[in-house]
């Protein structure tokens, strides 16, 4: 993977440009169908980390992209985005039910998700370490994750002498996305990790500056369990995505550098960590 040129949004930790360079890892989250950029995301790195949300159901910046407009057209996509942005979730769900009437919802969505997964998993470099986002369908991942991709959820792995812990999915919300779990189940996965050097999750810790989306103008759900783990175990880094346009992309909590890497769909650039 080191053959390509480095193209991270920023670098962190030790390491330098000399011949004795140590380990370099690229981190992405919220890929949302950007397969072309994903194919280059590991260039120049020893490993790629993906923190989920591979699926693109509906692009809020471009309503012509995603599973929803493919099935129902751009005008209907415009309407459902407007309802959700206005937090009129009951109306959005009622509108969705009207559109899906007479269709086999599960079959249509799974077929579209399978198509996206087949394209994206095929371009993942070796090695890739990945966990699920809230819009992902975990049950399908074993069909597409090749031998070079290690899927982790509530589990740890060592990369270049550092321990990385992974927690996938999101917490319950009115959006009712595919992989939302209870606070208790999520907290149990965080607890199972124990102390790690780098805490990797799809959603951020429960900090207002990290959970507020400045474009959607709402707070997304962050995890209190992640925040507690940061205070308790003091990892070097906490990496996450989920909030696409956060109020703050990077902040320190005690000794832990918290970094939102969830800009990949729009920028196509991974975040780089070197030591």
C-alpha atoms as a PDB file:
ATOM      1  CA  UNK A   1       0.000   0.000   0.000  1.00  0.00           C
ATOM      2  CA  UNK A   2       2.950   2.326   0.520  1.00  0.00           C
ATOM      3  CA  UNK A   3       3.533   2.623  -3.198  1.00  0.00           C
ATOM      4  CA  UNK A   4       1.204   5.623  -3.660  1.00  0.00           C
ATOM      5  CA  UNK A   5       1.696   9.166  -2.481  1.00  0.00           C
ATOM      6  CA  UNK A   6       0.351  10.243   0.921  1.00  0.00           C
ATOM      7  CA  UNK A   7      -2.802  12.343   0.717  1.00  0.00           C
ATOM      8  CA  UNK A   8      -4.209  12.720   4.210  1.00  0.00           C
ATOM      9  CA  UNK A   9      -6.128  15.684   5.514  1.00  0.00           C
ATOM     10  CA  UNK A  10      -3.638  15.892   8.357  1.00  0.00           C
ATOM     11  CA  UNK A  11      -0.965  13.861  10.095  1.00  0.00           C
ATOM     12  CA  UNK A  12      -0.584  13.151  13.761  1.00  0.00           C
ATOM     13  CA  UNK A  13       1.808  11.545  16.151  1.00  0.00           C
ATOM     14  CA  UNK A  14       5.508  10.980  15.536  1.00  0.00           C
ATOM     15  CA  UNK A  15       7.247   9.873  12.413  1.00  0.00           C
ATOM     16  CA  UNK A  16       8.754  12.073   9.763  1.00  0.00           C
ATOM     17  CA  UNK A  17       9.811  12.192   6.173  1.00  0.00           C
ATOM     18  CA  UNK A  18      13.105  10.313   6.620  1.00  0.00           C
ATOM     19  CA  UNK A  19      13.930   6.756   5.585  1.00  0.00           C
ATOM     20  CA  UNK A  20      13.304   5.444   9.114  1.00  0.00           C
ATOM     21  CA  UNK A  21       9.603   6.303   8.966  1.00  0.00           C
ATOM     22  CA  UNK A  22       7.486   4.074  11.165  1.00  0.00           C
ATOM     23  CA  UNK A  23       3.835   3.186  10.602  1.00  0.00           C
ATOM     24  CA  UNK A  24       1.288   5.191   8.625  1.00  0.00           C
ATOM     25  CA  UNK A  25      -2.442   4.476   8.766  1.00  0.00           C
ATOM     26  CA  UNK A  26      -5.166   6.172   6.743  1.00  0.00           C
ATOM     27  CA  UNK A  27      -8.606   6.529   8.324  1.00  0.00           C
ATOM     28  CA  UNK A  28     -11.933   7.135   6.566  1.00  0.00           C
ATOM     29  CA  UNK A  29     -15.550   7.224   7.629  1.00  0.00           C
ATOM     30  CA  UNK A  30     -18.873   7.982   5.955  1.00  0.00           C
ATOM     31  CA  UNK A  31     -17.841   6.766   2.515  1.00  0.00           C
ATOM     32  CA  UNK A  32     -21.458   6.924   1.299  1.00  0.00           C
ATOM     33  CA  UNK A  33     -20.873   5.485  -2.134  1.00  0.00           C
ATOM     34  CA  UNK A  34     -17.629   7.296  -3.015  1.00  0.00           C
ATOM     35  CA  UNK A  35     -16.067   4.157  -4.473  1.00  0.00           C
ATOM     36  CA  UNK A  36     -13.641   6.015  -6.740  1.00  0.00           C
ATOM     37  CA  UNK A  37     -11.960   7.791  -3.815  1.00  0.00           C
ATOM     38  CA  UNK A  38     -12.110   4.683  -1.644  1.00  0.00           C
ATOM     39  CA  UNK A  39     -10.001   2.834  -4.212  1.00  0.00           C
ATOM     40  CA  UNK A  40      -7.186   5.359  -3.583  1.00  0.00           C
ATOM     41  CA  UNK A  41      -7.668   5.790   0.156  1.00  0.00           C
ATOM     42  CA  UNK A  42      -4.887   3.403   1.147  1.00  0.00           C
ATOM     43  CA  UNK A  43      -2.227   4.841  -1.144  1.00  0.00           C
ATOM     44  CA  UNK A  44       0.955   5.535   0.797  1.00  0.00           C
ATOM     45  CA  UNK A  45      -0.247   3.835   3.990  1.00  0.00           C
ATOM     46  CA  UNK A  46       0.522   0.583   5.770  1.00  0.00           C
ATOM     47  CA  UNK A  47      -3.158  -0.012   6.545  1.00  0.00           C
ATOM     48  CA  UNK A  48      -6.582   1.493   5.914  1.00  0.00           C
ATOM     49  CA  UNK A  49      -9.172   1.927   8.667  1.00  0.00           C
ATOM     50  CA  UNK A  50     -12.818   2.392   7.677  1.00  0.00           C
ATOM     51  CA  UNK A  51     -15.293   3.516  10.323  1.00  0.00           C
ATOM     52  CA  UNK A  52     -18.443   2.671   8.442  1.00  0.00           C
ATOM     53  CA  UNK A  53     -21.387   4.105   6.525  1.00  0.00           C
ATOM     54  CA  UNK A  54     -20.418   2.670   3.170  1.00  0.00           C
ATOM     55  CA  UNK A  55     -24.029   2.757   1.969  1.00  0.00           C
ATOM     56  CA  UNK A  56     -25.478   5.808   0.234  1.00  0.00           C
ATOM     57  CA  UNK A  57     -29.221   5.829   0.769  1.00  0.00           C
ATOM     58  CA  UNK A  58     -29.707   9.533   0.067  1.00  0.00           C
ATOM     59  CA  UNK A  59     -27.162  12.294  -0.482  1.00  0.00           C
ATOM     60  CA  UNK A  60     -28.400  15.385   1.362  1.00  0.00           C
ATOM     61  CA  UNK A  61     -26.072  17.593  -0.717  1.00  0.00           C
ATOM     62  CA  UNK A  62     -27.026  16.059  -4.077  1.00  0.00           C
ATOM     63  CA  UNK A  63     -30.538  14.622  -4.019  1.00  0.00           C
ATOM     64  CA  UNK A  64     -29.978  12.774  -7.293  1.00  0.00           C
ATOM     65  CA  UNK A  65     -27.529  10.314  -5.680  1.00  0.00           C
ATOM     66  CA  UNK A  66     -28.390   7.229  -3.673  1.00  0.00           C
ATOM     67  CA  UNK A  67     -30.819   4.364  -3.320  1.00  0.00           C
ATOM     68  CA  UNK A  68     -33.834   6.587  -2.567  1.00  0.00           C
ATOM     69  CA  UNK A  69     -33.725   8.779  -5.716  1.00  0.00           C
ATOM     70  CA  UNK A  70     -32.878   5.739  -7.847  1.00  0.00           C
ATOM     71  CA  UNK A  71     -36.147   4.197  -6.692  1.00  0.00           C
ATOM     72  CA  UNK A  72     -38.421   7.247  -6.344  1.00  0.00           C
ATOM     73  CA  UNK A  73     -36.887  10.143  -8.277  1.00  0.00           C
ATOM     74  CA  UNK A  74     -35.281  13.430  -7.332  1.00  0.00           C
ATOM     75  CA  UNK A  75     -38.511  15.345  -6.603  1.00  0.00           C
ATOM     76  CA  UNK A  76     -39.512  12.855  -3.926  1.00  0.00           C
ATOM     77  CA  UNK A  77     -35.971  12.950  -2.578  1.00  0.00           C
ATOM     78  CA  UNK A  78     -36.226  16.755  -2.340  1.00  0.00           C
ATOM     79  CA  UNK A  79     -39.410  16.434  -0.344  1.00  0.00           C
ATOM     80  CA  UNK A  80     -38.218  13.851   2.146  1.00  0.00           C
ATOM     81  CA  UNK A  81     -34.977  15.774   2.774  1.00  0.00           C
ATOM     82  CA  UNK A  82     -37.017  18.917   3.450  1.00  0.00           C
ATOM     83  CA  UNK A  83     -39.228  17.067   5.936  1.00  0.00           C
ATOM     84  CA  UNK A  84     -36.322  15.468   7.761  1.00  0.00           C
ATOM     85  CA  UNK A  85     -34.310  18.688   7.873  1.00  0.00           C
ATOM     86  CA  UNK A  86     -37.342  20.394   9.423  1.00  0.00           C
ATOM     87  CA  UNK A  87     -37.471  17.521  11.952  1.00  0.00           C
ATOM     88  CA  UNK A  88     -40.957  16.601  10.768  1.00  0.00           C
ATOM     89  CA  UNK A  89     -40.109  12.943  11.202  1.00  0.00           C
ATOM     90  CA  UNK A  90     -43.692  11.666  11.493  1.00  0.00           C
ATOM     91  CA  UNK A  91     -44.599  13.314   8.187  1.00  0.00           C
ATOM     92  CA  UNK A  92     -41.435  11.959   6.583  1.00  0.00           C
ATOM     93  CA  UNK A  93     -42.274   8.433   7.714  1.00  0.00           C
ATOM     94  CA  UNK A  94     -45.865   8.782   6.454  1.00  0.00           C
ATOM     95  CA  UNK A  95     -44.581  10.040   3.098  1.00  0.00           C
ATOM     96  CA  UNK A  96     -42.171   7.132   2.925  1.00  0.00           C
ATOM     97  CA  UNK A  97     -44.969   4.651   3.587  1.00  0.00           C
ATOM     98  CA  UNK A  98     -46.937   6.134   0.683  1.00  0.00           C
ATOM     99  CA  UNK A  99     -43.989   5.714  -1.662  1.00  0.00           C
ATOM    100  CA  UNK A 100     -43.306   2.156  -0.568  1.00  0.00           C
ATOM    101  CA  UNK A 101     -46.944   1.043  -0.819  1.00  0.00           C
ATOM    102  CA  UNK A 102     -47.157  -1.986  -3.080  1.00  0.00           C
ATOM    103  CA  UNK A 103     -43.382  -2.490  -3.168  1.00  0.00           C
ATOM    104  CA  UNK A 104     -41.262  -5.069  -1.396  1.00  0.00           C
ATOM    105  CA  UNK A 105     -39.176  -2.599   0.623  1.00  0.00           C
ATOM    106  CA  UNK A 106     -36.697  -5.049   2.112  1.00  0.00           C
ATOM    107  CA  UNK A 107     -35.942  -6.776  -1.176  1.00  0.00           C
ATOM    108  CA  UNK A 108     -35.473  -3.518  -3.073  1.00  0.00           C
ATOM    109  CA  UNK A 109     -33.159  -2.010  -0.462  1.00  0.00           C
ATOM    110  CA  UNK A 110     -31.087  -5.132   0.033  1.00  0.00           C
ATOM    111  CA  UNK A 111     -30.562  -5.509  -3.711  1.00  0.00           C
ATOM    112  CA  UNK A 112     -29.342  -1.915  -3.913  1.00  0.00           C
ATOM    113  CA  UNK A 113     -27.124  -2.292  -0.843  1.00  0.00           C
ATOM    114  CA  UNK A 114     -25.616  -5.493  -2.219  1.00  0.00           C
ATOM    115  CA  UNK A 115     -24.705  -3.681  -5.439  1.00  0.00           C
ATOM    116  CA  UNK A 116     -22.975  -0.889  -3.512  1.00  0.00           C
ATOM    117  CA  UNK A 117     -21.169  -3.315  -1.201  1.00  0.00           C
ATOM    118  CA  UNK A 118     -19.912  -5.413  -4.107  1.00  0.00           C
ATOM    119  CA  UNK A 119     -18.318  -2.321  -5.668  1.00  0.00           C
ATOM    120  CA  UNK A 120     -16.830  -0.868  -2.479  1.00  0.00           C
ATOM    121  CA  UNK A 121     -15.481  -3.988  -0.785  1.00  0.00           C
ATOM    122  CA  UNK A 122     -13.817  -4.936  -4.076  1.00  0.00           C
ATOM    123  CA  UNK A 123     -11.580  -1.845  -3.962  1.00  0.00           C
ATOM    124  CA  UNK A 124     -10.526  -2.055  -0.299  1.00  0.00           C
ATOM    125  CA  UNK A 125      -6.754  -2.512   0.020  1.00  0.00           C
ATOM    126  CA  UNK A 126      -4.971  -5.131   2.103  1.00  0.00           C
ATOM    127  CA  UNK A 127      -4.937  -4.764   5.015  1.00  0.00           C
ATOM    128  CA  UNK A 128      -8.177  -2.938   5.853  1.00  0.00           C
ATOM    129  CA  UNK A 129      -9.695  -2.821   9.339  1.00  0.00           C
ATOM    130  CA  UNK A 130     -13.364  -1.870   9.288  1.00  0.00           C
ATOM    131  CA  UNK A 131     -16.395  -1.440  11.490  1.00  0.00           C
ATOM    132  CA  UNK A 132     -20.045  -0.707  10.741  1.00  0.00           C
ATOM    133  CA  UNK A 133     -21.814   2.628  10.515  1.00  0.00           C
ATOM    134  CA  UNK A 134     -25.419   3.226  11.483  1.00  0.00           C
ATOM    135  CA  UNK A 135     -26.631   2.957   7.853  1.00  0.00           C
ATOM    136  CA  UNK A 136     -24.741  -0.262   7.175  1.00  0.00           C
ATOM    137  CA  UNK A 137     -26.214  -3.773   7.137  1.00  0.00           C
ATOM    138  CA  UNK A 138     -23.811  -5.937   9.182  1.00  0.00           C
ATOM    139  CA  UNK A 139     -25.410  -9.225   8.145  1.00  0.00           C
ATOM    140  CA  UNK A 140     -24.250  -8.655   4.560  1.00  0.00           C
ATOM    141  CA  UNK A 141     -20.614  -7.832   5.284  1.00  0.00           C
ATOM    142  CA  UNK A 142     -19.359 -11.458   5.477  1.00  0.00           C
ATOM    143  CA  UNK A 143     -20.488 -11.945   1.876  1.00  0.00           C
ATOM    144  CA  UNK A 144     -18.284  -9.135   0.575  1.00  0.00           C
ATOM    145  CA  UNK A 145     -15.359  -8.657   2.977  1.00  0.00           C
ATOM    146  CA  UNK A 146     -12.367 -10.407   1.434  1.00  0.00           C
ATOM    147  CA  UNK A 147      -9.455 -12.018   3.311  1.00  0.00           C
ATOM    148  CA  UNK A 148      -7.612  -8.684   3.405  1.00  0.00           C
ATOM    149  CA  UNK A 149     -10.415  -6.970   5.320  1.00  0.00           C
ATOM    150  CA  UNK A 150     -10.802  -7.517   9.061  1.00  0.00           C
ATOM    151  CA  UNK A 151     -14.201  -6.538  10.469  1.00  0.00           C
ATOM    152  CA  UNK A 152     -14.211  -5.558  14.150  1.00  0.00           C
ATOM    153  CA  UNK A 153     -17.035  -4.494  16.473  1.00  0.00           C
ATOM    154  CA  UNK A 154     -16.337  -4.374  20.201  1.00  0.00           C
ATOM    155  CA  UNK A 155     -12.913  -5.842  19.410  1.00  0.00           C
ATOM    156  CA  UNK A 156      -9.230  -4.857  19.389  1.00  0.00           C
ATOM    157  CA  UNK A 157      -6.344  -5.256  16.965  1.00  0.00           C
ATOM    158  CA  UNK A 158      -2.662  -4.322  17.059  1.00  0.00           C
ATOM    159  CA  UNK A 159      -1.291  -2.233  14.186  1.00  0.00           C
ATOM    160  CA  UNK A 160       2.352  -1.219  14.208  1.00  0.00           C
ATOM    161  CA  UNK A 161       2.687  -1.832  17.932  1.00  0.00           C
ATOM    162  CA  UNK A 162      -0.386   0.232  18.905  1.00  0.00           C
ATOM    163  CA  UNK A 163      -3.705  -1.197  20.071  1.00  0.00           C
ATOM    164  CA  UNK A 164      -6.794  -0.035  18.164  1.00  0.00           C
ATOM    165  CA  UNK A 165     -10.285  -0.675  19.539  1.00  0.00           C
ATOM    166  CA  UNK A 166     -13.375  -0.619  17.305  1.00  0.00           C
ATOM    167  CA  UNK A 167     -17.030   0.051  18.130  1.00  0.00           C
ATOM    168  CA  UNK A 168     -19.514   0.018  15.261  1.00  0.00           C
ATOM    169  CA  UNK A 169     -23.052   1.232  14.714  1.00  0.00           C
ATOM    170  CA  UNK A 170     -25.095   4.064  16.150  1.00  0.00           C
ATOM    171  CA  UNK A 171     -27.586   4.709  18.921  1.00  0.00           C
ATOM    172  CA  UNK A 172     -31.375   4.784  18.633  1.00  0.00           C
ATOM    173  CA  UNK A 173     -32.792   7.837  16.822  1.00  0.00           C
ATOM    174  CA  UNK A 174     -36.054   8.880  15.128  1.00  0.00           C
ATOM    175  CA  UNK A 175     -34.319   8.202  11.794  1.00  0.00           C
ATOM    176  CA  UNK A 176     -34.418   4.445  12.543  1.00  0.00           C
ATOM    177  CA  UNK A 177     -31.401   3.609  10.392  1.00  0.00           C
ATOM    178  CA  UNK A 178     -30.414  -0.060   9.930  1.00  0.00           C
ATOM    179  CA  UNK A 179     -27.740  -0.482  12.608  1.00  0.00           C
ATOM    180  CA  UNK A 180     -28.947   1.435  15.647  1.00  0.00           C
ATOM    181  CA  UNK A 181     -28.659  -0.288  19.014  1.00  0.00           C
ATOM    182  CA  UNK A 182     -29.537   0.503  22.614  1.00  0.00           C
ATOM    183  CA  UNK A 183     -27.278   2.598  24.824  1.00  0.00           C
ATOM    184  CA  UNK A 184     -26.729  -0.454  27.022  1.00  0.00           C
ATOM    185  CA  UNK A 185     -25.621  -2.702  24.147  1.00  0.00           C
ATOM    186  CA  UNK A 186     -23.331   0.000  22.817  1.00  0.00           C
ATOM    187  CA  UNK A 187     -21.793   0.620  26.247  1.00  0.00           C
ATOM    188  CA  UNK A 188     -21.084  -3.104  26.618  1.00  0.00           C
ATOM    189  CA  UNK A 189     -19.066  -3.069  23.387  1.00  0.00           C
ATOM    190  CA  UNK A 190     -17.069  -0.070  24.587  1.00  0.00           C
ATOM    191  CA  UNK A 191     -16.433  -1.755  27.940  1.00  0.00           C
ATOM    192  CA  UNK A 192     -15.242  -4.931  26.211  1.00  0.00           C
ATOM    193  CA  UNK A 193     -12.352  -3.057  24.603  1.00  0.00           C
ATOM    194  CA  UNK A 194     -10.526  -2.127  27.777  1.00  0.00           C
ATOM    195  CA  UNK A 195      -7.627   0.342  27.476  1.00  0.00           C
ATOM    196  CA  UNK A 196      -6.509   1.066  23.906  1.00  0.00           C
ATOM    197  CA  UNK A 197      -4.115   3.490  22.226  1.00  0.00           C
ATOM    198  CA  UNK A 198      -6.624   4.500  19.547  1.00  0.00           C
ATOM    199  CA  UNK A 199     -10.388   4.346  20.118  1.00  0.00           C
ATOM    200  CA  UNK A 200     -12.197   3.973  16.768  1.00  0.00           C
ATOM    201  CA  UNK A 201     -15.973   4.356  16.470  1.00  0.00           C
ATOM    202  CA  UNK A 202     -18.532   5.434  13.928  1.00  0.00           C
ATOM    203  CA  UNK A 203     -20.305   7.914  16.201  1.00  0.00           C
ATOM    204  CA  UNK A 204     -18.552  10.561  18.316  1.00  0.00           C
ATOM    205  CA  UNK A 205     -18.362  10.793  22.096  1.00  0.00           C
ATOM    206  CA  UNK A 206     -21.207  12.760  23.649  1.00  0.00           C
ATOM    207  CA  UNK A 207     -19.720  16.255  23.453  1.00  0.00           C
ATOM    208  CA  UNK A 208     -21.887  19.099  22.058  1.00  0.00           C
ATOM    209  CA  UNK A 209     -19.136  20.550  19.862  1.00  0.00           C
ATOM    210  CA  UNK A 210     -18.528  17.135  18.289  1.00  0.00           C
ATOM    211  CA  UNK A 211     -22.160  16.103  17.801  1.00  0.00           C
ATOM    212  CA  UNK A 212     -23.694  19.290  16.357  1.00  0.00           C
ATOM    213  CA  UNK A 213     -24.091  19.313  12.564  1.00  0.00           C
ATOM    214  CA  UNK A 214     -23.894  22.908  11.346  1.00  0.00           C
ATOM    215  CA  UNK A 215     -25.668  22.225   8.036  1.00  0.00           C
ATOM    216  CA  UNK A 216     -28.442  19.948   9.305  1.00  0.00           C
ATOM    217  CA  UNK A 217     -28.699  22.312  12.308  1.00  0.00           C
ATOM    218  CA  UNK A 218     -29.205  19.565  14.832  1.00  0.00           C
ATOM    219  CA  UNK A 219     -27.353  17.483  17.380  1.00  0.00           C
ATOM    220  CA  UNK A 220     -26.610  13.940  16.265  1.00  0.00           C
ATOM    221  CA  UNK A 221     -26.423  11.198  18.865  1.00  0.00           C
ATOM    222  CA  UNK A 222     -23.068  10.778  20.529  1.00  0.00           C
ATOM    223  CA  UNK A 223     -22.103   8.138  23.056  1.00  0.00           C
ATOM    224  CA  UNK A 224     -21.730   8.818  26.760  1.00  0.00           C
ATOM    225  CA  UNK A 225     -19.995   5.444  27.052  1.00  0.00           C
ATOM    226  CA  UNK A 226     -17.296   6.587  24.619  1.00  0.00           C
ATOM    227  CA  UNK A 227     -16.822   9.804  26.572  1.00  0.00           C
ATOM    228  CA  UNK A 228     -16.556   7.900  29.850  1.00  0.00           C
ATOM    229  CA  UNK A 229     -13.995   5.532  28.291  1.00  0.00           C
ATOM    230  CA  UNK A 230     -11.922   8.490  27.108  1.00  0.00           C
ATOM    231  CA  UNK A 231     -11.855   9.937  30.629  1.00  0.00           C
ATOM    232  CA  UNK A 232     -11.197   6.534  32.213  1.00  0.00           C
ATOM    233  CA  UNK A 233      -8.672   4.892  29.874  1.00  0.00           C
ATOM    234  CA  UNK A 234      -7.088   7.989  28.272  1.00  0.00           C
ATOM    235  CA  UNK A 235      -6.370   6.728  24.730  1.00  0.00           C
ATOM    236  CA  UNK A 236      -3.991   8.767  22.580  1.00  0.00           C
ATOM    237  CA  UNK A 237      -6.654   9.282  19.943  1.00  0.00           C
ATOM    238  CA  UNK A 238     -10.402   8.905  19.540  1.00  0.00           C
ATOM    239  CA  UNK A 239     -11.359   8.712  15.857  1.00  0.00           C
ATOM    240  CA  UNK A 240     -14.942   8.799  14.563  1.00  0.00           C
ATOM    241  CA  UNK A 241     -17.255  10.130  11.857  1.00  0.00           C
ATOM    242  CA  UNK A 242     -21.071  10.230  11.558  1.00  0.00           C
ATOM    243  CA  UNK A 243     -21.419  14.023  11.894  1.00  0.00           C
ATOM    244  CA  UNK A 244     -20.656  15.279   8.398  1.00  0.00           C
ATOM    245  CA  UNK A 245     -20.344  19.015   9.133  1.00  0.00           C
ATOM    246  CA  UNK A 246     -19.409  19.204  12.817  1.00  0.00           C
ATOM    247  CA  UNK A 247     -19.088  22.426  14.761  1.00  0.00           C
ATOM    248  CA  UNK A 248     -15.593  21.257  15.733  1.00  0.00           C
ATOM    249  CA  UNK A 249     -13.621  18.654  13.787  1.00  0.00           C
ATOM    250  CA  UNK A 250     -10.885  18.230  16.348  1.00  0.00           C
ATOM    251  CA  UNK A 251     -10.543  18.826  20.074  1.00  0.00           C
ATOM    252  CA  UNK A 252      -8.647  17.503  23.061  1.00  0.00           C
ATOM    253  CA  UNK A 253     -10.305  15.795  26.019  1.00  0.00           C
ATOM    254  CA  UNK A 254      -7.623  15.464  28.665  1.00  0.00           C
ATOM    255  CA  UNK A 255      -4.731  13.695  26.924  1.00  0.00           C
ATOM    256  CA  UNK A 256      -6.930  12.323  24.124  1.00  0.00           C
ATOM    257  CA  UNK A 257      -6.982  13.939  20.698  1.00  0.00           C
ATOM    258  CA  UNK A 258     -10.527  13.559  19.320  1.00  0.00           C
ATOM    259  CA  UNK A 259     -10.749  13.741  15.522  1.00  0.00           C
ATOM    260  CA  UNK A 260     -13.773  13.640  13.226  1.00  0.00           C
ATOM    261  CA  UNK A 261     -12.774  11.847  10.010  1.00  0.00           C
ATOM    262  CA  UNK A 262     -16.319  11.733   8.605  1.00  0.00           C
ATOM    263  CA  UNK A 263     -15.668  14.007   5.641  1.00  0.00           C
ATOM    264  CA  UNK A 264     -14.638  11.308   3.169  1.00  0.00           C
ATOM    265  CA  UNK A 265     -17.727  11.247   0.938  1.00  0.00           C
ATOM    266  CA  UNK A 266     -17.364  14.926   0.087  1.00  0.00           C
ATOM    267  CA  UNK A 267     -13.575  15.372   0.093  1.00  0.00           C
ATOM    268  CA  UNK A 268     -12.304  11.929  -0.924  1.00  0.00           C
ATOM    269  CA  UNK A 269      -9.327  12.421   1.404  1.00  0.00           C
ATOM    270  CA  UNK A 270      -8.449  10.096   4.276  1.00  0.00           C
ATOM    271  CA  UNK A 271      -7.034  11.312   7.579  1.00  0.00           C
ATOM    272  CA  UNK A 272      -3.482  10.116   8.215  1.00  0.00           C
ATOM    273  CA  UNK A 273      -1.949   8.932  11.468  1.00  0.00           C
ATOM    274  CA  UNK A 274       1.796   8.338  11.693  1.00  0.00           C
ATOM    275  CA  UNK A 275       4.038   7.110  14.486  1.00  0.00           C
END
